[in-house]
Amino acid sequence: MSDDYKLFVCVQCGFEYDEAKGWPEDGIAPGTRWDDIPEDWSCPDCGAAKTDFEMVEIARS
């Protein structure tokens, strides 16, 4: 089931958003898809815009 969760990385600072883990500190529940995060959300570490994130391929076991 979690095989299709994606990881997005801020190109400014390297912060990682993992869809499987969410970001509870900002009220984003585990399992929240990138497309479901509000467009005005910004990187918690550096304040970069959501558009400054890129999806990365990761291997899941």
PDB file of N, CA and C in Angstrom:
ATOM      1  N   MET A   1       0.819  -1.202   0.000  1.00  0.00           N
ATOM      2  CA  MET A   1       0.000   0.000   0.000  1.00  0.00           C
ATOM      3  C   MET A   1       0.854   1.253   0.000  1.00  0.00           C
ATOM      4  N   SER A   2       1.871   1.334   0.855  1.00  0.00           N
ATOM      5  CA  SER A   2       2.687   2.543   0.937  1.00  0.00           C
ATOM      6  C   SER A   2       3.676   2.651  -0.214  1.00  0.00           C
ATOM      7  N   ASP A   3       3.711   1.633  -1.098  1.00  0.00           N
ATOM      8  CA  ASP A   3       4.666   1.635  -2.197  1.00  0.00           C
ATOM      9  C   ASP A   3       4.501   2.829  -3.121  1.00  0.00           C
ATOM     10  N   ASP A   4       3.311   3.401  -3.177  1.00  0.00           N
ATOM     11  CA  ASP A   4       3.094   4.498  -4.103  1.00  0.00           C
ATOM     12  C   ASP A   4       3.207   5.876  -3.454  1.00  0.00           C
ATOM     13  N   TYR A   5       3.602   5.940  -2.188  1.00  0.00           N
ATOM     14  CA  TYR A   5       3.846   7.239  -1.573  1.00  0.00           C
ATOM     15  C   TYR A   5       5.122   7.825  -2.148  1.00  0.00           C
ATOM     16  N   LYS A   6       5.161   9.140  -2.276  1.00  0.00           N
ATOM     17  CA  LYS A   6       6.307   9.799  -2.886  1.00  0.00           C
ATOM     18  C   LYS A   6       7.031  10.682  -1.878  1.00  0.00           C
ATOM     19  N   LEU A   7       8.265  11.015  -2.216  1.00  0.00           N
ATOM     20  CA  LEU A   7       9.098  11.880  -1.394  1.00  0.00           C
ATOM     21  C   LEU A   7       9.410  13.129  -2.202  1.00  0.00           C
ATOM     22  N   PHE A   8       9.237  14.286  -1.588  1.00  0.00           N
ATOM     23  CA  PHE A   8       9.528  15.559  -2.234  1.00  0.00           C
ATOM     24  C   PHE A   8      10.583  16.286  -1.419  1.00  0.00           C
ATOM     25  N   VAL A   9      11.546  16.882  -2.109  1.00  0.00           N
ATOM     26  CA  VAL A   9      12.664  17.544  -1.447  1.00  0.00           C
ATOM     27  C   VAL A   9      12.706  19.013  -1.853  1.00  0.00           C
ATOM     28  N   CYS A  10      12.895  19.883  -0.862  1.00  0.00           N
ATOM     29  CA  CYS A  10      13.046  21.316  -1.115  1.00  0.00           C
ATOM     30  C   CYS A  10      14.395  21.542  -1.802  1.00  0.00           C
ATOM     31  N   VAL A  11      14.370  22.198  -2.960  1.00  0.00           N
ATOM     32  CA  VAL A  11      15.620  22.437  -3.685  1.00  0.00           C
ATOM     33  C   VAL A  11      16.446  23.540  -3.029  1.00  0.00           C
ATOM     34  N   GLN A  12      15.839  24.292  -2.128  1.00  0.00           N
ATOM     35  CA  GLN A  12      16.555  25.372  -1.451  1.00  0.00           C
ATOM     36  C   GLN A  12      17.380  24.871  -0.264  1.00  0.00           C
ATOM     37  N   CYS A  13      16.785  23.976   0.549  1.00  0.00           N
ATOM     38  CA  CYS A  13      17.468  23.584   1.791  1.00  0.00           C
ATOM     39  C   CYS A  13      17.586  22.075   2.004  1.00  0.00           C
ATOM     40  N   GLY A  14      16.888  21.281   1.193  1.00  0.00           N
ATOM     41  CA  GLY A  14      16.975  19.834   1.341  1.00  0.00           C
ATOM     42  C   GLY A  14      15.933  19.219   2.265  1.00  0.00           C
ATOM     43  N   PHE A  15      15.007  20.021   2.799  1.00  0.00           N
ATOM     44  CA  PHE A  15      13.929  19.477   3.632  1.00  0.00           C
ATOM     45  C   PHE A  15      13.167  18.421   2.840  1.00  0.00           C
ATOM     46  N   GLU A  16      12.816  17.323   3.493  1.00  0.00           N
ATOM     47  CA  GLU A  16      12.100  16.240   2.827  1.00  0.00           C
ATOM     48  C   GLU A  16      10.665  16.142   3.328  1.00  0.00           C
ATOM     49  N   TYR A  17       9.718  16.111   2.379  1.00  0.00           N
ATOM     50  CA  TYR A  17       8.325  15.825   2.709  1.00  0.00           C
ATOM     51  C   TYR A  17       8.007  14.434   2.179  1.00  0.00           C
ATOM     52  N   ASP A  18       7.687  13.539   3.084  1.00  0.00           N
ATOM     53  CA  ASP A  18       7.345  12.158   2.749  1.00  0.00           C
ATOM     54  C   ASP A  18       5.835  12.009   2.891  1.00  0.00           C
ATOM     55  N   GLU A  19       5.167  11.682   1.787  1.00  0.00           N
ATOM     56  CA  GLU A  19       3.710  11.537   1.834  1.00  0.00           C
ATOM     57  C   GLU A  19       3.270  10.513   2.876  1.00  0.00           C
ATOM     58  N   ALA A  20       4.042   9.465   3.065  1.00  0.00           N
ATOM     59  CA  ALA A  20       3.671   8.424   4.026  1.00  0.00           C
ATOM     60  C   ALA A  20       3.668   8.952   5.458  1.00  0.00           C
ATOM     61  N   LYS A  21       4.566   9.888   5.750  1.00  0.00           N
ATOM     62  CA  LYS A  21       4.699  10.426   7.111  1.00  0.00           C
ATOM     63  C   LYS A  21       3.908  11.705   7.328  1.00  0.00           C
ATOM     64  N   GLY A  22       3.623  12.434   6.250  1.00  0.00           N
ATOM     65  CA  GLY A  22       2.957  13.720   6.385  1.00  0.00           C
ATOM     66  C   GLY A  22       3.864  14.717   7.086  1.00  0.00           C
ATOM     67  N   TRP A  23       3.250  15.749   7.653  1.00  0.00           N
ATOM     68  CA  TRP A  23       3.982  16.737   8.439  1.00  0.00           C
ATOM     69  C   TRP A  23       3.033  17.241   9.518  1.00  0.00           C
ATOM     70  N   PRO A  24       2.853  16.402  10.582  1.00  0.00           N
ATOM     71  CA  PRO A  24       1.884  16.726  11.637  1.00  0.00           C
ATOM     72  C   PRO A  24       2.103  18.093  12.283  1.00  0.00           C
ATOM     73  N   GLU A  25       3.348  18.576  12.307  1.00  0.00           N
ATOM     74  CA  GLU A  25       3.636  19.881  12.904  1.00  0.00           C
ATOM     75  C   GLU A  25       2.873  21.007  12.211  1.00  0.00           C
ATOM     76  N   ASP A  26       2.535  20.814  10.934  1.00  0.00           N
ATOM     77  CA  ASP A  26       1.752  21.793  10.178  1.00  0.00           C
ATOM     78  C   ASP A  26       0.319  21.321   9.956  1.00  0.00           C
ATOM     79  N   GLY A  27      -0.081  20.263  10.665  1.00  0.00           N
ATOM     80  CA  GLY A  27      -1.434  19.754  10.523  1.00  0.00           C
ATOM     81  C   GLY A  27      -1.650  18.904   9.283  1.00  0.00           C
ATOM     82  N   ILE A  28      -0.565  18.395   8.691  1.00  0.00           N
ATOM     83  CA  ILE A  28      -0.670  17.549   7.507  1.00  0.00           C
ATOM     84  C   ILE A  28      -0.538  16.093   7.956  1.00  0.00           C
ATOM     85  N   ALA A  29      -1.638  15.373   7.888  1.00  0.00           N
ATOM     86  CA  ALA A  29      -1.693  14.004   8.405  1.00  0.00           C
ATOM     87  C   ALA A  29      -0.859  13.037   7.571  1.00  0.00           C
ATOM     88  N   PRO A  30      -0.347  11.978   8.204  1.00  0.00           N
ATOM     89  CA  PRO A  30       0.336  10.933   7.440  1.00  0.00           C
ATOM     90  C   PRO A  30      -0.568  10.423   6.320  1.00  0.00           C
ATOM     91  N   GLY A  31       0.025  10.181   5.159  1.00  0.00           N
ATOM     92  CA  GLY A  31      -0.746   9.713   4.012  1.00  0.00           C
ATOM     93  C   GLY A  31      -1.264  10.830   3.128  1.00  0.00           C
ATOM     94  N   THR A  32      -1.006  12.091   3.500  1.00  0.00           N
ATOM     95  CA  THR A  32      -1.472  13.219   2.692  1.00  0.00           C
ATOM     96  C   THR A  32      -0.630  13.337   1.429  1.00  0.00           C
ATOM     97  N   ARG A  33      -1.291  13.291   0.295  1.00  0.00           N
ATOM     98  CA  ARG A  33      -0.619  13.398  -1.002  1.00  0.00           C
ATOM     99  C   ARG A  33      -0.144  14.825  -1.245  1.00  0.00           C
ATOM    100  N   TRP A  34       0.939  14.934  -1.990  1.00  0.00           N
ATOM    101  CA  TRP A  34       1.516  16.239  -2.313  1.00  0.00           C
ATOM    102  C   TRP A  34       0.474  17.151  -2.954  1.00  0.00           C
ATOM    103  N   ASP A  35      -0.323  16.602  -3.863  1.00  0.00           N
ATOM    104  CA  ASP A  35      -1.335  17.405  -4.553  1.00  0.00           C
ATOM    105  C   ASP A  35      -2.426  17.909  -3.616  1.00  0.00           C
ATOM    106  N   ASP A  36      -2.565  17.292  -2.446  1.00  0.00           N
ATOM    107  CA  ASP A  36      -3.598  17.696  -1.489  1.00  0.00           C
ATOM    108  C   ASP A  36      -3.117  18.746  -0.491  1.00  0.00           C
ATOM    109  N   ILE A  37      -1.827  19.072  -0.542  1.00  0.00           N
ATOM    110  CA  ILE A  37      -1.286  20.116   0.332  1.00  0.00           C
ATOM    111  C   ILE A  37      -1.622  21.467  -0.296  1.00  0.00           C
ATOM    112  N   PRO A  38      -2.074  22.432   0.496  1.00  0.00           N
ATOM    113  CA  PRO A  38      -2.437  23.741  -0.062  1.00  0.00           C
ATOM    114  C   PRO A  38      -1.283  24.369  -0.849  1.00  0.00           C
ATOM    115  N   GLU A  39      -1.623  25.054  -1.930  1.00  0.00           N
ATOM    116  CA  GLU A  39      -0.609  25.685  -2.784  1.00  0.00           C
ATOM    117  C   GLU A  39       0.192  26.751  -2.042  1.00  0.00           C
ATOM    118  N   ASP A  40      -0.388  27.335  -0.987  1.00  0.00           N
ATOM    119  CA  ASP A  40       0.332  28.383  -0.251  1.00  0.00           C
ATOM    120  C   ASP A  40       1.200  27.826   0.882  1.00  0.00           C
ATOM    121  N   TRP A  41       1.273  26.485   1.006  1.00  0.00           N
ATOM    122  CA  TRP A  41       2.143  25.866   2.000  1.00  0.00           C
ATOM    123  C   TRP A  41       3.582  26.158   1.631  1.00  0.00           C
ATOM    124  N   SER A  42       4.424  26.345   2.638  1.00  0.00           N
ATOM    125  CA  SER A  42       5.837  26.610   2.368  1.00  0.00           C
ATOM    126  C   SER A  42       6.717  25.701   3.216  1.00  0.00           C
ATOM    127  N   CYS A  43       7.968  25.593   2.816  1.00  0.00           N
ATOM    128  CA  CYS A  43       8.929  24.741   3.507  1.00  0.00           C
ATOM    129  C   CYS A  43       9.045  25.167   4.968  1.00  0.00           C
ATOM    130  N   PRO A  44       8.885  24.229   5.901  1.00  0.00           N
ATOM    131  CA  PRO A  44       8.987  24.567   7.325  1.00  0.00           C
ATOM    132  C   PRO A  44      10.386  25.013   7.739  1.00  0.00           C
ATOM    133  N   ASP A  45      11.403  24.606   7.001  1.00  0.00           N
ATOM    134  CA  ASP A  45      12.776  24.945   7.376  1.00  0.00           C
ATOM    135  C   ASP A  45      13.255  26.274   6.807  1.00  0.00           C
ATOM    136  N   CYS A  46      12.930  26.557   5.527  1.00  0.00           N
ATOM    137  CA  CYS A  46      13.485  27.771   4.908  1.00  0.00           C
ATOM    138  C   CYS A  46      12.436  28.714   4.341  1.00  0.00           C
ATOM    139  N   GLY A  47      11.163  28.290   4.309  1.00  0.00           N
ATOM    140  CA  GLY A  47      10.102  29.155   3.813  1.00  0.00           C
ATOM    141  C   GLY A  47       9.932  29.148   2.308  1.00  0.00           C
ATOM    142  N   ALA A  48      10.638  28.260   1.602  1.00  0.00           N
ATOM    143  CA  ALA A  48      10.510  28.184   0.145  1.00  0.00           C
ATOM    144  C   ALA A  48       9.090  27.767  -0.233  1.00  0.00           C
ATOM    145  N   ALA A  49       8.664  28.191  -1.400  1.00  0.00           N
ATOM    146  CA  ALA A  49       7.327  27.870  -1.892  1.00  0.00           C
ATOM    147  C   ALA A  49       7.206  26.394  -2.244  1.00  0.00           C
ATOM    148  N   LYS A  50       5.976  25.919  -2.268  1.00  0.00           N
ATOM    149  CA  LYS A  50       5.715  24.525  -2.642  1.00  0.00           C
ATOM    150  C   LYS A  50       6.280  24.213  -4.027  1.00  0.00           C
ATOM    151  N   THR A  51       6.311  25.204  -4.899  1.00  0.00           N
ATOM    152  CA  THR A  51       6.844  25.004  -6.248  1.00  0.00           C
ATOM    153  C   THR A  51       8.349  24.773  -6.259  1.00  0.00           C
ATOM    154  N   ASP A  52       9.020  25.028  -5.134  1.00  0.00           N
ATOM    155  CA  ASP A  52      10.463  24.813  -5.036  1.00  0.00           C
ATOM    156  C   ASP A  52      10.812  23.407  -4.552  1.00  0.00           C
ATOM    157  N   PHE A  53       9.850  22.502  -4.586  1.00  0.00           N
ATOM    158  CA  PHE A  53      10.088  21.112  -4.209  1.00  0.00           C
ATOM    159  C   PHE A  53      10.117  20.248  -5.462  1.00  0.00           C
ATOM    160  N   GLU A  54      10.941  19.211  -5.427  1.00  0.00           N
ATOM    161  CA  GLU A  54      11.000  18.255  -6.524  1.00  0.00           C
ATOM    162  C   GLU A  54      10.785  16.851  -5.981  1.00  0.00           C
ATOM    163  N   MET A  55      10.083  16.031  -6.762  1.00  0.00           N
ATOM    164  CA  MET A  55       9.887  14.644  -6.371  1.00  0.00           C
ATOM    165  C   MET A  55      11.174  13.875  -6.618  1.00  0.00           C
ATOM    166  N   VAL A  56      11.506  12.991  -5.682  1.00  0.00           N
ATOM    167  CA  VAL A  56      12.677  12.139  -5.854  1.00  0.00           C
ATOM    168  C   VAL A  56      12.248  10.682  -5.791  1.00  0.00           C
ATOM    169  N   GLU A  57      12.958   9.854  -6.520  1.00  0.00           N
ATOM    170  CA  GLU A  57      12.681   8.419  -6.518  1.00  0.00           C
ATOM    171  C   GLU A  57      13.399   7.790  -5.336  1.00  0.00           C
ATOM    172  N   ILE A  58      12.681   6.993  -4.560  1.00  0.00           N
ATOM    173  CA  ILE A  58      13.302   6.292  -3.439  1.00  0.00           C
ATOM    174  C   ILE A  58      12.878   4.838  -3.472  1.00  0.00           C
ATOM    175  N   ALA A  59      13.725   4.002  -2.977  1.00  0.00           N
ATOM    176  CA  ALA A  59      13.400   2.578  -2.892  1.00  0.00           C
ATOM    177  C   ALA A  59      12.737   2.307  -1.550  1.00  0.00           C
ATOM    178  N   ARG A  60      11.647   1.586  -1.584  1.00  0.00           N
ATOM    179  CA  ARG A  60      10.943   1.214  -0.350  1.00  0.00           C
ATOM    180  C   ARG A  60      11.037  -0.289  -0.194  1.00  0.00           C
ATOM    181  N   SER A  61      11.298  -0.702   1.034  1.00  0.00           N
ATOM    182  CA  SER A  61      11.368  -2.149   1.266  1.00  0.00           C
ATOM    183  C   SER A  61      10.064  -2.663   1.834  1.00  0.00           C
TER     184      SER A  61
END
